[in-house]
Amino acid sequence: MLTSPLGAVEGSSANSTITRWARQLLRDEPPRTTSLVVTVFGDAIAPHGGAAWLRTLIDLMDTFGINERAVRTSVYRLAEDAWLQAERQGRQSRYALTEAGRRRFALASRRIYHPGSPTWDGQWTLVLIPRGAEVMASRTDLRRDLAWEGFATITPGLLAHPQADAERLRELLEELGVRDDAFVVRAQDLPGVTERELSELAGYWPLDAVAMQYEDFVSRFAPVAEAVETRSGFSPRQAFLVRTLLVHWYRRVVLHDPRLPAAMLPPDWPGGPAYALSRRVYRAVTPGAEAYLTEALGKDGVPVSAEFRARFTEFA
């Protein structure tokens, strides 16, 4: 349940522009509590060791106007779904990422904080699913999970991607138990056979919908980018507020982006400007956000990971 992010405006260093912007964003499109908890764990807690006391997490989520009961319900659900595991110490509970949760965050982090490969070698990854009855039951799950990884369904038994993550594909086939059932091959154009433009293949992916989401993201976060670009005039807690909301909204778009080569994208593709805006805001507010997190996590926190230090360092 969302109330109002009043906790983020306490103190003389609060920035009224950021306060008004955050209130409007949370009022216009309130995020699901469980999803926002996932963002806080992935962006803020995972780089500091991946564990936090429940009371600390409740205090962090109060920044967004989320009450204690909603936080408790959310962490219980995440534990049920094997994202988190609880450790009891007396009357206190400490929640840590499971091994599966760490893998999920690592995969998502590669797509959220890095712009992707700037070049393409012209190779395609094709996944062919036989019609045999023994794999029919898993075809729906495989198509769904491959779509999440950016694959397009060419026919019911053929999926393709021009820049697939080979390591992630192997993991996915093993997780679904179909590594010995699906055929995975590499392919490329035959020179001189066709002169059609690669952009004609883009219709297999929902690029229009993703582009609209990117444009909406840029319009929502451009005002706060101007407010934080001087890196002064806002409190550490507001810095944490802005960074978390930025990552939360950005990941909802970028994790649906199939990340196609530039040759397949329209010339005005908004993915680059969205990444550039995210980079600008994230780097501006991170010093303040880290100061707030260091105090909030206390002795439970650890120095940030190498992965964290590499976030948003590349230019799109």
Protein backbone atom coordinates (compact mmCIF):
# COMPACT_ATOMS: atom_id res chain seq x y z
CA MET A 1 0.00 0.00 0.00
CA LEU A 2 1.31 3.42 -0.97
CA THR A 3 0.62 6.51 1.08
CA SER A 4 2.94 9.44 0.33
CA PRO A 5 6.76 9.62 0.20
CA LEU A 6 6.78 12.17 3.01
CA GLY A 7 9.79 10.55 4.65
CA ALA A 8 11.92 11.62 1.71
CA VAL A 9 11.34 15.34 2.29
CA GLU A 10 12.50 15.54 5.88
CA GLY A 11 15.45 17.80 6.63
CA SER A 12 16.60 21.19 5.49
CA SER A 13 18.50 19.75 2.52
CA ALA A 14 15.32 18.43 0.86
CA ASN A 15 14.69 19.58 -2.70
CA SER A 16 11.05 20.61 -3.27
CA THR A 17 11.26 19.93 -7.03
CA ILE A 18 12.24 16.32 -6.38
CA THR A 19 9.51 15.99 -3.75
CA ARG A 20 6.78 17.20 -6.11
CA TRP A 21 8.11 15.05 -8.95
CA ALA A 22 8.19 11.89 -6.81
CA ARG A 23 4.72 12.47 -5.39
CA GLN A 24 3.26 12.89 -8.87
CA LEU A 25 5.04 9.83 -10.25
CA LEU A 26 3.91 7.59 -7.40
CA ARG A 27 0.38 9.00 -7.54
CA ASP A 28 -0.01 8.62 -11.31
CA GLU A 29 1.35 5.08 -11.49
CA PRO A 30 1.76 3.45 -8.07
CA PRO A 31 4.28 0.59 -8.30
CA ARG A 32 3.47 -2.85 -6.94
CA THR A 33 5.10 -3.20 -3.54
CA THR A 34 6.68 -6.60 -4.24
CA SER A 35 8.15 -5.35 -7.50
CA LEU A 36 9.59 -2.27 -5.79
CA VAL A 37 11.10 -4.43 -3.05
CA VAL A 38 12.79 -6.45 -5.81
CA THR A 39 14.22 -3.22 -7.22
CA VAL A 40 15.56 -2.17 -3.80
CA PHE A 41 17.18 -5.56 -3.28
CA GLY A 42 18.68 -5.66 -6.76
CA ASP A 43 19.90 -2.07 -6.97
CA ALA A 44 20.76 -1.25 -3.36
CA ILE A 45 21.08 -4.33 -1.16
CA ALA A 46 22.65 -6.88 -3.52
CA PRO A 47 25.80 -4.77 -4.10
CA HIS A 48 26.23 -4.49 -0.31
CA GLY A 49 26.20 -8.21 0.39
CA GLY A 50 22.62 -9.12 -0.50
CA ALA A 51 21.13 -9.18 3.00
CA ALA A 52 19.26 -6.79 5.30
CA TRP A 53 17.25 -6.85 8.49
CA LEU A 54 13.51 -6.69 7.97
CA ARG A 55 13.36 -3.52 10.08
CA THR A 56 15.97 -1.90 7.81
CA LEU A 57 13.98 -2.86 4.73
CA ILE A 58 10.81 -1.45 6.29
CA ASP A 59 12.61 1.85 6.92
CA LEU A 60 13.93 1.93 3.34
CA MET A 61 10.49 1.29 1.86
CA ASP A 62 8.98 4.02 4.02
CA THR A 63 10.85 6.41 1.71
CA PHE A 64 8.25 5.54 -0.95
CA GLY A 65 5.27 5.73 1.39
CA ILE A 66 4.92 1.93 1.68
CA ASN A 67 3.73 0.76 5.06
CA GLU A 68 5.16 -2.01 7.24
CA ARG A 69 2.38 -4.50 6.61
CA ALA A 70 2.83 -4.30 2.84
CA VAL A 71 6.59 -4.81 3.17
CA ARG A 72 6.15 -7.87 5.39
CA THR A 73 3.69 -9.39 2.92
CA SER A 74 6.03 -8.75 0.02
CA VAL A 75 9.14 -10.30 1.57
CA TYR A 76 7.07 -13.34 2.57
CA ARG A 77 5.99 -13.77 -1.05
CA LEU A 78 9.55 -13.35 -2.31
CA ALA A 79 10.69 -16.00 0.15
CA GLU A 80 7.92 -18.30 -1.09
CA ASP A 81 9.14 -17.72 -4.66
CA ALA A 82 12.75 -18.54 -3.67
CA TRP A 83 14.08 -15.02 -4.22
CA LEU A 84 14.84 -14.51 -0.53
CA GLN A 85 15.55 -16.67 2.50
CA ALA A 86 14.79 -15.67 6.08
CA GLU A 87 17.12 -16.02 9.04
CA ARG A 88 15.76 -15.60 12.56
CA GLN A 89 17.88 -14.12 15.32
CA GLY A 90 15.75 -13.85 18.39
CA ARG A 91 12.74 -11.74 17.50
CA GLN A 92 14.46 -10.19 14.50
CA SER A 93 14.37 -11.43 10.90
CA ARG A 94 17.12 -10.97 8.38
CA TYR A 95 16.45 -11.55 4.68
CA ALA A 96 19.15 -12.59 2.25
CA LEU A 97 19.15 -13.38 -1.44
CA THR A 98 19.04 -17.06 -2.29
CA GLU A 99 21.52 -18.46 -4.81
CA ALA A 100 18.72 -18.47 -7.38
CA GLY A 101 17.91 -14.87 -6.47
CA ARG A 102 21.53 -13.85 -6.98
CA ARG A 103 21.57 -15.45 -10.43
CA ARG A 104 18.37 -13.68 -11.40
CA PHE A 105 19.73 -10.32 -10.30
CA ALA A 106 23.04 -10.90 -12.08
CA LEU A 107 21.24 -11.62 -15.35
CA ALA A 108 18.99 -8.59 -15.00
CA SER A 109 21.90 -6.33 -14.03
CA ARG A 110 23.74 -7.06 -17.28
CA ARG A 111 20.76 -5.77 -19.23
CA ILE A 112 19.81 -2.83 -16.99
CA TYR A 113 23.15 -1.17 -16.37
CA HIS A 114 24.98 -1.79 -19.65
CA PRO A 115 23.98 -0.63 -23.15
CA GLY A 116 24.80 -3.89 -24.92
CA SER A 117 27.22 -4.71 -27.69
CA PRO A 118 27.80 -1.80 -30.10
CA THR A 119 28.64 -4.15 -32.97
CA TRP A 120 27.10 -7.26 -34.50
CA ASP A 121 28.95 -10.05 -36.26
CA GLY A 122 26.01 -10.94 -38.52
CA GLN A 123 25.40 -14.25 -36.77
CA TRP A 124 21.94 -15.44 -35.74
CA THR A 125 21.07 -17.89 -32.99
CA LEU A 126 18.21 -20.19 -33.97
CA VAL A 127 16.35 -22.49 -31.58
CA LEU A 128 14.40 -25.27 -33.26
CA ILE A 129 11.84 -27.19 -31.20
CA PRO A 130 10.84 -30.59 -32.66
CA ARG A 131 7.20 -31.59 -32.92
CA GLY A 132 7.68 -34.74 -30.86
CA ALA A 133 5.09 -35.35 -28.16
CA GLU A 134 7.80 -35.62 -25.50
CA VAL A 135 8.64 -31.91 -25.79
CA MET A 136 5.20 -30.47 -26.55
CA ALA A 137 4.48 -29.80 -22.88
CA SER A 138 7.62 -27.68 -22.52
CA ARG A 139 7.26 -25.71 -25.76
CA THR A 140 5.02 -23.05 -24.24
CA ASP A 141 7.40 -22.48 -21.31
CA LEU A 142 10.40 -22.40 -23.63
CA ARG A 143 8.81 -19.90 -26.02
CA ARG A 144 7.77 -17.70 -23.09
CA ASP A 145 11.23 -17.69 -21.51
CA LEU A 146 13.01 -17.20 -24.83
CA ALA A 147 10.73 -14.25 -25.59
CA TRP A 148 11.84 -12.74 -22.27
CA GLU A 149 15.42 -13.13 -23.52
CA GLY A 150 14.58 -11.25 -26.70
CA PHE A 151 13.92 -14.14 -29.09
CA ALA A 152 11.20 -13.79 -31.71
CA THR A 153 8.94 -16.65 -32.78
CA ILE A 154 9.36 -17.08 -36.53
CA THR A 155 7.14 -20.16 -36.61
CA PRO A 156 5.73 -22.18 -33.64
CA GLY A 157 8.85 -24.36 -33.65
CA LEU A 158 11.50 -21.81 -34.65
CA LEU A 159 12.79 -18.88 -32.60
CA ALA A 160 15.59 -16.49 -33.50
CA HIS A 161 17.76 -13.73 -32.08
CA PRO A 162 20.68 -11.86 -33.64
CA GLN A 163 22.65 -11.23 -30.41
CA ALA A 164 21.69 -14.01 -28.03
CA ASP A 165 23.53 -14.59 -24.76
CA ALA A 166 24.89 -18.12 -25.31
CA GLU A 167 25.58 -18.71 -21.61
CA ARG A 168 22.08 -17.67 -20.60
CA LEU A 169 20.57 -19.81 -23.37
CA ARG A 170 22.37 -22.92 -22.10
CA GLU A 171 21.19 -22.20 -18.55
CA LEU A 172 17.63 -21.72 -19.72
CA LEU A 173 17.50 -24.99 -21.64
CA GLU A 174 18.89 -26.82 -18.62
CA GLU A 175 16.42 -25.16 -16.23
CA LEU A 176 13.51 -26.27 -18.42
CA GLY A 177 14.95 -29.75 -18.91
CA VAL A 178 14.97 -29.51 -22.71
CA ARG A 179 18.68 -29.20 -23.48
CA ASP A 180 18.65 -32.55 -25.30
CA ASP A 181 15.34 -31.85 -27.07
CA ALA A 182 15.87 -28.44 -28.67
CA PHE A 183 18.31 -27.78 -31.52
CA VAL A 184 20.42 -24.63 -31.23
CA VAL A 185 22.33 -23.49 -34.30
CA ARG A 186 24.23 -20.46 -35.55
CA ALA A 187 23.42 -18.99 -38.94
CA GLN A 188 24.18 -16.01 -41.16
CA ASP A 189 23.06 -14.50 -44.46
CA LEU A 190 24.29 -16.09 -47.66
CA PRO A 191 26.16 -13.39 -49.62
CA GLY A 192 24.60 -12.55 -52.95
CA VAL A 193 21.36 -14.44 -52.28
CA THR A 194 19.23 -11.56 -51.02
CA GLU A 195 19.42 -7.78 -50.95
CA ARG A 196 16.58 -7.16 -48.52
CA GLU A 197 17.20 -4.83 -45.59
CA LEU A 198 17.62 -6.25 -42.11
CA SER A 199 15.13 -3.70 -40.83
CA GLU A 200 12.37 -5.67 -42.59
CA LEU A 201 12.84 -8.45 -40.03
CA ALA A 202 12.16 -6.11 -37.11
CA GLY A 203 8.44 -6.78 -37.47
CA TYR A 204 8.89 -10.06 -35.62
CA TRP A 205 9.59 -8.06 -32.44
CA PRO A 206 7.14 -5.68 -30.65
CA LEU A 207 9.38 -2.67 -31.20
CA ASP A 208 6.56 -0.11 -31.40
CA ALA A 209 5.37 -0.97 -27.90
CA VAL A 210 8.90 -0.91 -26.48
CA ALA A 211 9.62 2.43 -28.17
CA MET A 212 6.50 3.96 -26.59
CA GLN A 213 7.63 2.72 -23.17
CA TYR A 214 11.07 4.24 -23.66
CA GLU A 215 9.55 7.56 -24.70
CA ASP A 216 7.24 7.55 -21.68
CA PHE A 217 10.22 6.82 -19.43
CA VAL A 218 12.21 9.74 -20.85
CA SER A 219 9.29 12.14 -20.45
CA ARG A 220 8.79 11.09 -16.82
CA PHE A 221 12.44 11.33 -15.76
CA ALA A 222 13.71 14.29 -17.79
CA PRO A 223 12.44 16.79 -15.15
CA VAL A 224 14.30 15.10 -12.31
CA ALA A 225 17.48 14.88 -14.41
CA GLU A 226 17.54 18.67 -14.50
CA ALA A 227 16.98 18.81 -10.74
CA VAL A 228 19.91 16.57 -9.85
CA GLU A 229 22.47 17.50 -12.48
CA THR A 230 24.28 19.93 -10.16
CA ARG A 231 24.70 17.10 -7.60
CA SER A 232 23.62 19.42 -4.79
CA GLY A 233 20.46 20.69 -3.15
CA PHE A 234 18.92 17.33 -2.29
CA SER A 235 19.22 15.05 0.70
CA PRO A 236 20.85 11.58 0.73
CA ARG A 237 17.42 10.04 1.27
CA GLN A 238 16.06 11.87 -1.76
CA ALA A 239 19.05 10.60 -3.75
CA PHE A 240 18.08 7.04 -2.76
CA LEU A 241 14.46 7.78 -3.68
CA VAL A 242 15.37 9.07 -7.14
CA ARG A 243 17.84 6.28 -7.91
CA THR A 244 15.41 3.55 -6.91
CA LEU A 245 12.51 4.98 -8.90
CA LEU A 246 14.79 5.48 -11.89
CA VAL A 247 15.93 1.86 -11.90
CA HIS A 248 12.44 0.59 -11.19
CA TRP A 249 10.89 2.35 -14.20
CA TYR A 250 13.86 1.79 -16.47
CA ARG A 251 14.10 -1.94 -15.83
CA ARG A 252 10.42 -2.37 -16.67
CA VAL A 253 11.26 -1.19 -20.18
CA VAL A 254 14.78 -2.42 -20.79
CA LEU A 255 14.04 -5.99 -19.71
CA HIS A 256 11.44 -6.13 -22.50
CA ASP A 257 13.81 -4.65 -25.07
CA PRO A 258 15.02 -7.44 -27.42
CA ARG A 259 18.28 -5.50 -27.90
CA LEU A 260 18.50 -5.86 -31.65
CA PRO A 261 21.48 -4.67 -33.72
CA ALA A 262 21.37 -1.06 -34.86
CA ALA A 263 20.87 -2.18 -38.47
CA MET A 264 17.47 -3.60 -37.50
CA LEU A 265 16.27 -0.60 -35.51
CA PRO A 266 14.59 2.58 -36.77
CA PRO A 267 16.94 5.58 -36.95
CA ASP A 268 15.12 7.39 -34.14
CA TRP A 269 15.13 4.41 -31.74
CA PRO A 270 14.66 5.88 -28.21
CA GLY A 271 16.63 3.18 -26.38
CA GLY A 272 19.87 5.16 -26.61
CA PRO A 273 18.46 8.41 -25.19
CA ALA A 274 16.76 6.43 -22.39
CA TYR A 275 20.05 4.79 -21.43
CA ALA A 276 21.89 8.13 -21.60
CA LEU A 277 19.30 9.73 -19.31
CA SER A 278 19.49 6.82 -16.87
CA ARG A 279 23.28 7.04 -16.84
CA ARG A 280 23.18 10.77 -16.19
CA VAL A 281 20.72 10.56 -13.29
CA TYR A 282 22.15 7.40 -11.73
CA ARG A 283 25.68 8.74 -11.59
CA ALA A 284 24.50 12.11 -10.24
CA VAL A 285 22.54 10.70 -7.30
CA THR A 286 24.68 7.67 -6.43
CA PRO A 287 27.05 9.47 -4.00
CA GLY A 288 24.09 10.66 -1.92
CA ALA A 289 22.21 7.37 -2.24
CA GLU A 290 25.26 5.41 -1.08
CA ALA A 291 25.71 7.72 1.90
CA TYR A 292 22.11 7.05 2.90
CA LEU A 293 22.45 3.28 2.39
CA THR A 294 25.69 3.09 4.35
CA GLU A 295 23.94 4.65 7.32
CA ALA A 296 20.76 2.60 6.89
CA LEU A 297 22.50 -0.78 6.53
CA GLY A 298 24.99 -0.06 9.29
CA LYS A 299 27.33 -2.91 10.17
CA ASP A 300 25.14 -5.28 8.13
CA GLY A 301 26.40 -3.71 4.91
CA VAL A 302 29.62 -4.53 3.08
CA PRO A 303 31.68 -2.50 0.57
CA VAL A 304 30.07 -2.36 -2.84
CA SER A 305 30.85 -5.04 -5.40
CA ALA A 306 32.92 -4.64 -8.57
CA GLU A 307 29.71 -5.08 -10.57
CA PHE A 308 28.26 -2.04 -8.87
CA ARG A 309 31.26 0.13 -9.70
CA ALA A 310 30.85 -0.76 -13.39
CA ARG A 311 27.19 0.31 -13.59
CA PHE A 312 26.35 2.89 -16.22
CA THR A 313 30.01 3.48 -17.03
CA GLU A 314 29.68 2.87 -20.79
CA PHE A 315 28.29 5.32 -23.28
CA ALA A 316 25.47 4.11 -25.49
